Amino acid sequence: MYPTDAAKDRVIEFRKSTADVIGMSILVGPNWIVNAPEDTLRTVAPTLGGVLMVESAS
């Protein structure tokens, strides 16, 4: 959980900047991020809501 949108956005930007090396699968809500394997996130997303962001490593 993050106290501000700016704090959450910094984590998302960092994750995006490293996605080409380590990949990224996160579920992003209004003040939270869940980091887990994509299949897990697809399972919980209907209950939690949020936006699924997935990028594979190169």
C-alpha atoms as a PDB file:
ATOM      1  CA  MET A   1       0.000   0.000   0.000  1.00  0.00           C
ATOM      2  CA  TYR A   2       1.198   3.485  -0.794  1.00  0.00           C
ATOM      3  CA  PRO A   3       0.412   6.755   1.000  1.00  0.00           C
ATOM      4  CA  THR A   4       0.268   8.792  -2.237  1.00  0.00           C
ATOM      5  CA  ASP A   5      -0.226   8.315  -5.965  1.00  0.00           C
ATOM      6  CA  ALA A   6       3.264   9.700  -6.507  1.00  0.00           C
ATOM      7  CA  ALA A   7       4.824   6.991  -4.340  1.00  0.00           C
ATOM      8  CA  LYS A   8       2.890   4.280  -6.165  1.00  0.00           C
ATOM      9  CA  ASP A   9       3.770   5.775  -9.556  1.00  0.00           C
ATOM     10  CA  ARG A  10       7.511   5.787  -8.709  1.00  0.00           C
ATOM     11  CA  VAL A  11       7.372   2.038  -8.040  1.00  0.00           C
ATOM     12  CA  ILE A  12       5.494   1.411 -11.290  1.00  0.00           C
ATOM     13  CA  GLU A  13       8.013   3.454 -13.274  1.00  0.00           C
ATOM     14  CA  PHE A  14      10.904   1.575 -11.677  1.00  0.00           C
ATOM     15  CA  ARG A  15       9.273  -1.767 -12.486  1.00  0.00           C
ATOM     16  CA  LYS A  16       8.731  -0.663 -16.095  1.00  0.00           C
ATOM     17  CA  SER A  17      12.383   0.394 -16.376  1.00  0.00           C
ATOM     18  CA  THR A  18      13.563  -3.078 -15.352  1.00  0.00           C
ATOM     19  CA  ALA A  19      10.875  -5.102 -17.155  1.00  0.00           C
ATOM     20  CA  ASP A  20      13.059  -5.818 -20.178  1.00  0.00           C
ATOM     21  CA  VAL A  21      15.597  -7.532 -17.893  1.00  0.00           C
ATOM     22  CA  ILE A  22      13.478  -9.194 -15.192  1.00  0.00           C
ATOM     23  CA  GLY A  23       9.955  -9.007 -16.568  1.00  0.00           C
ATOM     24  CA  MET A  24       6.995  -7.539 -14.768  1.00  0.00           C
ATOM     25  CA  SER A  25       3.634  -8.811 -13.622  1.00  0.00           C
ATOM     26  CA  ILE A  26       1.827  -6.493 -11.240  1.00  0.00           C
ATOM     27  CA  LEU A  27      -1.757  -5.698 -10.402  1.00  0.00           C
ATOM     28  CA  VAL A  28      -2.221  -1.993  -9.676  1.00  0.00           C
ATOM     29  CA  GLY A  29      -5.047  -0.495  -7.642  1.00  0.00           C
ATOM     30  CA  PRO A  30      -5.765   2.998  -6.349  1.00  0.00           C
ATOM     31  CA  ASN A  31      -3.125   2.868  -3.582  1.00  0.00           C
ATOM     32  CA  TRP A  32      -1.671  -0.624  -3.840  1.00  0.00           C
ATOM     33  CA  ILE A  33       0.379  -2.959  -6.009  1.00  0.00           C
ATOM     34  CA  VAL A  34       0.444  -6.752  -5.940  1.00  0.00           C
ATOM     35  CA  ASN A  35       3.559  -8.373  -7.402  1.00  0.00           C
ATOM     36  CA  ALA A  36       3.015 -12.039  -8.293  1.00  0.00           C
ATOM     37  CA  PRO A  37       3.162 -14.455 -11.221  1.00  0.00           C
ATOM     38  CA  GLU A  38       0.808 -13.480 -14.044  1.00  0.00           C
ATOM     39  CA  ASP A  39      -1.470 -16.498 -13.631  1.00  0.00           C
ATOM     40  CA  THR A  40      -1.952 -15.685  -9.937  1.00  0.00           C
ATOM     41  CA  LEU A  41      -2.769 -12.072 -10.733  1.00  0.00           C
ATOM     42  CA  ARG A  42      -5.292 -13.107 -13.387  1.00  0.00           C
ATOM     43  CA  THR A  43      -6.973 -15.270 -10.738  1.00  0.00           C
ATOM     44  CA  VAL A  44      -7.238 -12.553  -8.083  1.00  0.00           C
ATOM     45  CA  ALA A  45      -7.879  -9.560 -10.377  1.00  0.00           C
ATOM     46  CA  PRO A  46     -11.649 -10.127 -10.659  1.00  0.00           C
ATOM     47  CA  THR A  47     -11.928  -9.977  -6.868  1.00  0.00           C
ATOM     48  CA  LEU A  48      -9.397  -7.222  -6.169  1.00  0.00           C
ATOM     49  CA  GLY A  49      -9.980  -5.070  -9.219  1.00  0.00           C
ATOM     50  CA  GLY A  50      -7.119  -2.972 -10.448  1.00  0.00           C
ATOM     51  CA  VAL A  51      -5.186  -2.966 -13.692  1.00  0.00           C
ATOM     52  CA  LEU A  52      -2.970  -5.871 -14.724  1.00  0.00           C
ATOM     53  CA  MET A  53       0.407  -4.790 -16.106  1.00  0.00           C
ATOM     54  CA  VAL A  54       2.537  -7.527 -17.675  1.00  0.00           C
ATOM     55  CA  GLU A  55       5.779  -7.311 -19.650  1.00  0.00           C
ATOM     56  CA  SER A  56       8.088 -10.175 -20.507  1.00  0.00           C
ATOM     57  CA  ALA A  57      11.849  -9.986 -20.175  1.00  0.00           C
ATOM     58  CA  SER A  58      13.716  -9.708 -23.466  1.00  0.00           C
END
